[in-house]
C-alpha cells in the first residue's frame, strides 16, 4: 500500500465452507517530514533536557552535526538514540543558537538552528 494520506485498512476473511469470518484493521500513517524541535532546555529538570531527534530514525545512513556560533562542531551522531544533551567534551554549552546539518543518503541536506536555553 502506498497511500498519500493517513488511511485505515480493514481486512475481512471468510470461509467458503461457512465456518465464519474474521476482520482486523490497521492504520497506516503517512510520513510527512522530519520534526526537529527548535529549542530545548538542558537544565536538569527532566523536561526537554535533550534535543529530541528521534524522527531521524526514519532516515537512512544519516549524519547529524551541530556547530556553535564560532563554527566549532560540538556534537555528531549517526544514531537516532544518541541525543545531544547540550554538552561538548563533557562541558555544558552556553545558552544560544546552534546550527545543525543533517546529511542522509535518501534526502536532501537538512539545515537549521536549535536554541539551547539554560
N, C-alpha and C. Protein backbone atom coordinates (compact mmCIF):
# COMPACT_ATOMS: atom_id res chain seq x y z
N UNK A 1 0.84 -1.18 0.00
CA UNK A 1 0.00 0.00 0.00
C UNK A 1 0.88 1.24 0.00
N UNK A 2 0.47 2.23 -0.74
CA UNK A 2 1.20 3.50 -0.81
C UNK A 2 0.21 4.66 -0.75
N UNK A 3 -0.47 4.82 0.37
CA UNK A 3 -1.45 5.90 0.45
C UNK A 3 -0.77 7.26 0.47
N UNK A 4 -1.50 8.29 0.02
CA UNK A 4 -0.97 9.66 0.03
C UNK A 4 -1.34 10.39 1.31
N UNK A 5 -2.24 9.82 2.09
CA UNK A 5 -2.63 10.38 3.38
C UNK A 5 -2.89 9.24 4.35
N UNK A 6 -3.00 9.55 5.65
CA UNK A 6 -3.28 8.51 6.63
C UNK A 6 -4.52 7.74 6.21
N UNK A 7 -4.45 6.42 6.35
CA UNK A 7 -5.52 5.58 5.83
C UNK A 7 -5.76 4.39 6.74
N UNK A 8 -7.02 4.06 6.97
CA UNK A 8 -7.40 2.87 7.71
C UNK A 8 -7.66 1.75 6.71
N UNK A 9 -6.99 0.62 6.89
CA UNK A 9 -7.22 -0.56 6.06
C UNK A 9 -7.90 -1.61 6.91
N UNK A 10 -8.93 -2.24 6.34
CA UNK A 10 -9.65 -3.30 7.02
C UNK A 10 -9.57 -4.56 6.16
N UNK A 11 -9.16 -5.66 6.78
CA UNK A 11 -9.09 -6.94 6.10
C UNK A 11 -10.16 -7.84 6.72
N UNK A 12 -11.00 -8.39 5.87
CA UNK A 12 -12.02 -9.33 6.32
C UNK A 12 -11.79 -10.64 5.60
N UNK A 13 -11.75 -11.71 6.35
CA UNK A 13 -11.58 -13.04 5.77
C UNK A 13 -12.78 -13.89 6.17
N UNK A 14 -13.29 -14.62 5.20
CA UNK A 14 -14.41 -15.50 5.50
C UNK A 14 -14.17 -16.86 4.85
N UNK A 15 -14.78 -17.84 5.42
CA UNK A 15 -14.61 -19.22 4.96
C UNK A 15 -15.70 -19.56 3.94
N UNK A 16 -15.32 -20.09 2.77
CA UNK A 16 -16.35 -20.51 1.82
C UNK A 16 -17.13 -21.73 2.33
N UNK A 17 -16.60 -22.40 3.34
CA UNK A 17 -17.28 -23.58 3.89
C UNK A 17 -18.27 -23.19 4.99
N UNK A 18 -18.44 -21.88 5.22
CA UNK A 18 -19.40 -21.44 6.21
C UNK A 18 -18.90 -21.49 7.64
N UNK A 19 -17.60 -21.44 7.84
CA UNK A 19 -17.01 -21.51 9.19
C UNK A 19 -16.95 -20.16 9.88
N UNK A 20 -17.50 -19.15 9.27
CA UNK A 20 -17.47 -17.83 9.88
C UNK A 20 -16.52 -16.89 9.18
N UNK A 21 -16.36 -15.73 9.78
CA UNK A 21 -15.45 -14.73 9.22
C UNK A 21 -14.76 -13.99 10.36
N UNK A 22 -13.72 -13.29 9.98
CA UNK A 22 -12.97 -12.50 10.95
C UNK A 22 -12.46 -11.25 10.26
N UNK A 23 -12.28 -10.19 11.03
CA UNK A 23 -11.81 -8.93 10.47
C UNK A 23 -10.78 -8.30 11.39
N UNK A 24 -9.87 -7.58 10.80
CA UNK A 24 -8.88 -6.83 11.56
C UNK A 24 -8.58 -5.56 10.78
N UNK A 25 -8.04 -4.56 11.48
CA UNK A 25 -7.74 -3.29 10.82
C UNK A 25 -6.39 -2.76 11.27
N UNK A 26 -5.85 -1.88 10.44
CA UNK A 26 -4.58 -1.24 10.76
C UNK A 26 -4.60 0.18 10.17
N UNK A 27 -4.08 1.13 10.96
CA UNK A 27 -3.90 2.49 10.47
C UNK A 27 -2.53 2.60 9.85
N UNK A 28 -2.46 3.09 8.64
CA UNK A 28 -1.18 3.39 8.00
C UNK A 28 -1.03 4.90 8.04
N UNK A 29 0.02 5.36 8.70
CA UNK A 29 0.26 6.80 8.81
C UNK A 29 1.33 7.20 7.80
N UNK A 30 1.06 8.26 7.08
CA UNK A 30 1.97 8.72 6.04
C UNK A 30 3.00 9.66 6.64
N UNK A 31 4.25 9.39 6.36
CA UNK A 31 5.36 10.21 6.82
C UNK A 31 5.30 11.55 6.11
N UNK A 32 5.22 12.64 6.89
CA UNK A 32 5.08 13.97 6.31
C UNK A 32 6.33 14.81 6.45
N UNK A 33 7.35 14.27 7.08
CA UNK A 33 8.59 15.02 7.21
C UNK A 33 9.24 14.82 8.56
N UNK A 34 10.47 15.23 8.64
CA UNK A 34 11.25 15.13 9.87
C UNK A 34 10.85 16.29 10.79
N UNK A 35 10.52 15.98 12.03
CA UNK A 35 10.24 17.03 13.01
C UNK A 35 11.44 17.16 13.94
N UNK A 36 11.98 18.35 14.02
CA UNK A 36 13.07 18.64 14.93
C UNK A 36 12.68 19.84 15.78
N UNK A 37 12.70 19.70 17.09
CA UNK A 37 12.36 20.85 17.95
C UNK A 37 13.29 22.03 17.69
N UNK A 38 12.79 23.23 17.87
CA UNK A 38 13.59 24.43 17.63
C UNK A 38 14.30 24.92 18.88
N UNK A 39 14.01 24.28 20.03
CA UNK A 39 14.66 24.67 21.29
C UNK A 39 14.61 23.52 22.27
N UNK A 40 15.53 23.54 23.23
CA UNK A 40 15.50 22.60 24.34
C UNK A 40 16.18 23.24 25.54
N UNK A 41 15.93 22.67 26.72
CA UNK A 41 16.39 23.29 27.97
C UNK A 41 17.12 22.26 28.84
N UNK A 42 18.38 22.02 28.56
CA UNK A 42 19.13 21.03 29.35
C UNK A 42 19.54 21.58 30.73
N UNK A 43 18.54 21.77 31.59
CA UNK A 43 18.80 22.36 32.91
C UNK A 43 18.63 21.36 34.05
N UNK A 44 18.43 20.08 33.72
CA UNK A 44 18.35 19.06 34.75
C UNK A 44 17.00 18.89 35.41
N UNK A 45 15.95 19.54 34.85
CA UNK A 45 14.63 19.40 35.48
C UNK A 45 13.85 18.19 34.96
N UNK A 46 14.44 17.44 34.03
CA UNK A 46 13.78 16.26 33.49
C UNK A 46 12.82 16.54 32.35
N UNK A 47 12.68 17.79 31.95
CA UNK A 47 11.79 18.17 30.85
C UNK A 47 12.62 18.82 29.75
N UNK A 48 12.59 18.23 28.56
CA UNK A 48 13.34 18.75 27.40
C UNK A 48 14.82 18.94 27.70
N UNK A 49 15.41 18.03 28.47
CA UNK A 49 16.84 18.13 28.81
C UNK A 49 17.75 17.69 27.67
N UNK A 50 17.17 17.08 26.65
CA UNK A 50 17.93 16.67 25.47
C UNK A 50 17.18 17.11 24.23
N UNK A 51 17.94 17.35 23.17
CA UNK A 51 17.34 17.74 21.90
C UNK A 51 16.80 16.49 21.23
N UNK A 52 15.51 16.30 21.23
CA UNK A 52 14.88 15.07 20.76
C UNK A 52 14.89 14.99 19.24
N UNK A 53 15.74 14.12 18.72
CA UNK A 53 15.86 13.94 17.28
C UNK A 53 15.44 12.54 16.87
N UNK A 54 14.51 11.94 17.60
CA UNK A 54 14.12 10.56 17.33
C UNK A 54 13.53 10.36 15.93
N UNK A 55 12.97 11.40 15.32
CA UNK A 55 12.42 11.24 13.97
C UNK A 55 13.51 10.97 12.93
N UNK A 56 14.77 11.18 13.29
CA UNK A 56 15.85 10.87 12.36
C UNK A 56 15.97 9.37 12.09
N UNK A 57 15.32 8.55 12.91
CA UNK A 57 15.32 7.10 12.69
C UNK A 57 14.67 6.76 11.35
N UNK A 58 13.91 7.68 10.78
CA UNK A 58 13.26 7.46 9.50
C UNK A 58 14.20 7.64 8.32
N UNK A 59 15.39 8.17 8.57
CA UNK A 59 16.37 8.40 7.52
C UNK A 59 17.35 7.24 7.42
N UNK A 60 17.88 7.04 6.22
CA UNK A 60 18.90 6.02 6.02
C UNK A 60 20.28 6.66 6.06
N UNK A 61 21.17 6.06 6.77
CA UNK A 61 22.57 6.49 6.77
C UNK A 61 22.73 7.99 6.93
N UNK A 62 22.22 8.54 8.01
CA UNK A 62 22.31 9.98 8.23
C UNK A 62 23.52 10.31 9.12
N UNK A 63 23.94 11.56 9.00
CA UNK A 63 24.93 12.13 9.91
C UNK A 63 24.39 13.48 10.37
N UNK A 64 24.29 13.64 11.68
CA UNK A 64 23.87 14.90 12.29
C UNK A 64 25.08 15.57 12.88
N UNK A 65 25.30 16.83 12.51
CA UNK A 65 26.38 17.62 13.09
C UNK A 65 25.79 18.91 13.62
N UNK A 66 26.26 19.31 14.81
CA UNK A 66 25.82 20.56 15.43
C UNK A 66 27.04 21.44 15.65
N UNK A 67 26.91 22.71 15.30
CA UNK A 67 28.01 23.66 15.40
C UNK A 67 27.63 24.82 16.30
N UNK A 68 28.62 25.34 17.04
CA UNK A 68 28.36 26.54 17.83
C UNK A 68 28.50 27.78 16.95
N UNK A 69 28.37 28.95 17.53
CA UNK A 69 28.39 30.18 16.74
C UNK A 69 29.75 30.50 16.12
N UNK A 70 30.77 29.81 16.57
CA UNK A 70 32.11 30.01 16.00
C UNK A 70 32.42 29.00 14.91
N UNK A 71 31.47 28.11 14.64
CA UNK A 71 31.67 27.09 13.61
C UNK A 71 32.35 25.84 14.12
N UNK A 72 32.54 25.74 15.42
CA UNK A 72 33.15 24.55 16.01
C UNK A 72 32.11 23.44 16.11
N UNK A 73 32.40 22.25 15.59
CA UNK A 73 31.45 21.15 15.76
C UNK A 73 31.41 20.73 17.23
N UNK A 74 30.20 20.73 17.82
CA UNK A 74 30.07 20.39 19.24
C UNK A 74 29.34 19.06 19.45
N UNK A 75 28.80 18.49 18.37
CA UNK A 75 28.11 17.21 18.50
C UNK A 75 28.01 16.57 17.13
N UNK A 76 28.14 15.24 17.11
CA UNK A 76 27.95 14.48 15.88
C UNK A 76 27.34 13.14 16.24
N UNK A 77 26.40 12.68 15.40
CA UNK A 77 25.78 11.38 15.64
C UNK A 77 25.31 10.79 14.33
N UNK A 78 25.36 9.47 14.27
CA UNK A 78 24.79 8.71 13.16
C UNK A 78 23.72 7.75 13.70
N UNK A 79 23.36 7.94 14.95
CA UNK A 79 22.44 7.05 15.65
C UNK A 79 21.32 7.89 16.27
N UNK A 80 20.05 7.63 15.90
CA UNK A 80 18.95 8.46 16.43
C UNK A 80 18.73 8.30 17.93
N UNK A 81 19.31 7.28 18.55
CA UNK A 81 19.14 7.13 20.00
C UNK A 81 20.21 7.88 20.79
N UNK A 82 21.21 8.40 20.10
CA UNK A 82 22.23 9.22 20.76
C UNK A 82 21.81 10.68 20.56
N UNK A 83 21.36 11.29 21.64
CA UNK A 83 20.71 12.60 21.58
C UNK A 83 21.58 13.64 22.29
N UNK A 84 21.69 14.82 21.68
CA UNK A 84 22.54 15.87 22.26
C UNK A 84 21.94 16.39 23.56
N UNK A 85 22.79 16.46 24.58
CA UNK A 85 22.37 16.95 25.90
C UNK A 85 22.91 18.34 26.21
N UNK A 86 23.42 19.04 25.19
CA UNK A 86 23.91 20.40 25.40
C UNK A 86 25.33 20.46 25.93
N UNK A 87 26.08 19.38 25.79
CA UNK A 87 27.47 19.35 26.25
C UNK A 87 28.43 19.16 25.07
N UNK A 88 29.62 19.64 25.26
CA UNK A 88 30.71 19.41 24.33
C UNK A 88 31.93 19.04 25.15
N UNK A 89 32.46 17.86 24.88
CA UNK A 89 33.60 17.32 25.64
C UNK A 89 33.32 17.34 27.14
N UNK A 90 32.05 17.02 27.50
CA UNK A 90 31.66 16.95 28.89
C UNK A 90 31.31 18.28 29.54
N UNK A 91 31.51 19.36 28.84
CA UNK A 91 31.23 20.69 29.40
C UNK A 91 29.89 21.22 28.91
N UNK A 92 29.13 21.82 29.84
CA UNK A 92 27.87 22.45 29.48
C UNK A 92 28.14 23.59 28.50
N UNK A 93 27.35 23.64 27.45
CA UNK A 93 27.49 24.71 26.48
C UNK A 93 26.56 25.86 26.86
N UNK A 94 26.94 27.08 26.50
CA UNK A 94 26.15 28.24 26.91
C UNK A 94 24.84 28.35 26.14
N UNK A 95 23.92 29.12 26.70
CA UNK A 95 22.67 29.45 26.02
C UNK A 95 23.01 30.10 24.68
N UNK A 96 22.26 29.74 23.67
CA UNK A 96 22.47 30.34 22.36
C UNK A 96 21.93 29.47 21.25
N UNK A 97 22.05 29.98 20.03
CA UNK A 97 21.64 29.24 18.84
C UNK A 97 22.79 28.38 18.35
N UNK A 98 22.46 27.18 17.95
CA UNK A 98 23.42 26.23 17.40
C UNK A 98 22.88 25.78 16.04
N UNK A 99 23.77 25.67 15.08
CA UNK A 99 23.38 25.28 13.72
C UNK A 99 23.53 23.78 13.58
N UNK A 100 22.55 23.14 12.94
CA UNK A 100 22.68 21.72 12.65
C UNK A 100 22.65 21.49 11.14
N UNK A 101 23.33 20.44 10.73
CA UNK A 101 23.32 19.98 9.34
C UNK A 101 23.11 18.48 9.40
N UNK A 102 22.14 18.00 8.66
CA UNK A 102 21.84 16.58 8.60
C UNK A 102 21.98 16.12 7.16
N UNK A 103 22.91 15.20 6.95
CA UNK A 103 23.12 14.62 5.63
C UNK A 103 22.62 13.19 5.66
N UNK A 104 21.92 12.80 4.60
CA UNK A 104 21.35 11.47 4.52
C UNK A 104 21.47 10.96 3.09
N UNK A 105 21.51 9.65 2.95
CA UNK A 105 21.63 9.07 1.62
C UNK A 105 20.31 9.11 0.85
N UNK A 106 19.19 9.38 1.53
CA UNK A 106 17.90 9.34 0.83
C UNK A 106 17.11 10.64 0.88
N UNK A 107 17.71 11.73 1.36
CA UNK A 107 17.00 13.02 1.44
C UNK A 107 18.00 14.15 1.14
N UNK A 108 17.49 15.30 0.73
CA UNK A 108 18.37 16.47 0.60
C UNK A 108 18.92 16.86 1.98
N UNK A 109 19.99 17.61 1.99
CA UNK A 109 20.59 18.08 3.24
C UNK A 109 19.59 18.94 3.99
N UNK A 110 19.47 18.69 5.29
CA UNK A 110 18.61 19.50 6.16
C UNK A 110 19.50 20.42 6.98
N UNK A 111 19.15 21.70 7.01
CA UNK A 111 19.91 22.68 7.80
C UNK A 111 18.94 23.51 8.61
N UNK A 112 19.39 23.91 9.78
CA UNK A 112 18.55 24.75 10.62
C UNK A 112 19.28 25.12 11.89
N UNK A 113 18.54 25.65 12.84
CA UNK A 113 19.15 26.01 14.11
C UNK A 113 18.27 25.54 15.26
N UNK A 114 18.92 25.33 16.38
CA UNK A 114 18.23 24.94 17.60
C UNK A 114 18.71 25.87 18.70
N UNK A 115 17.78 26.32 19.53
CA UNK A 115 18.10 27.23 20.62
C UNK A 115 18.29 26.42 21.90
N UNK A 116 19.46 26.54 22.50
CA UNK A 116 19.75 25.90 23.77
C UNK A 116 19.50 26.95 24.85
N UNK A 117 18.59 26.63 25.77
CA UNK A 117 18.26 27.55 26.86
C UNK A 117 18.59 26.91 28.19
N UNK A 118 19.25 27.64 29.06
CA UNK A 118 19.57 27.12 30.40
C UNK A 118 18.75 27.86 31.43
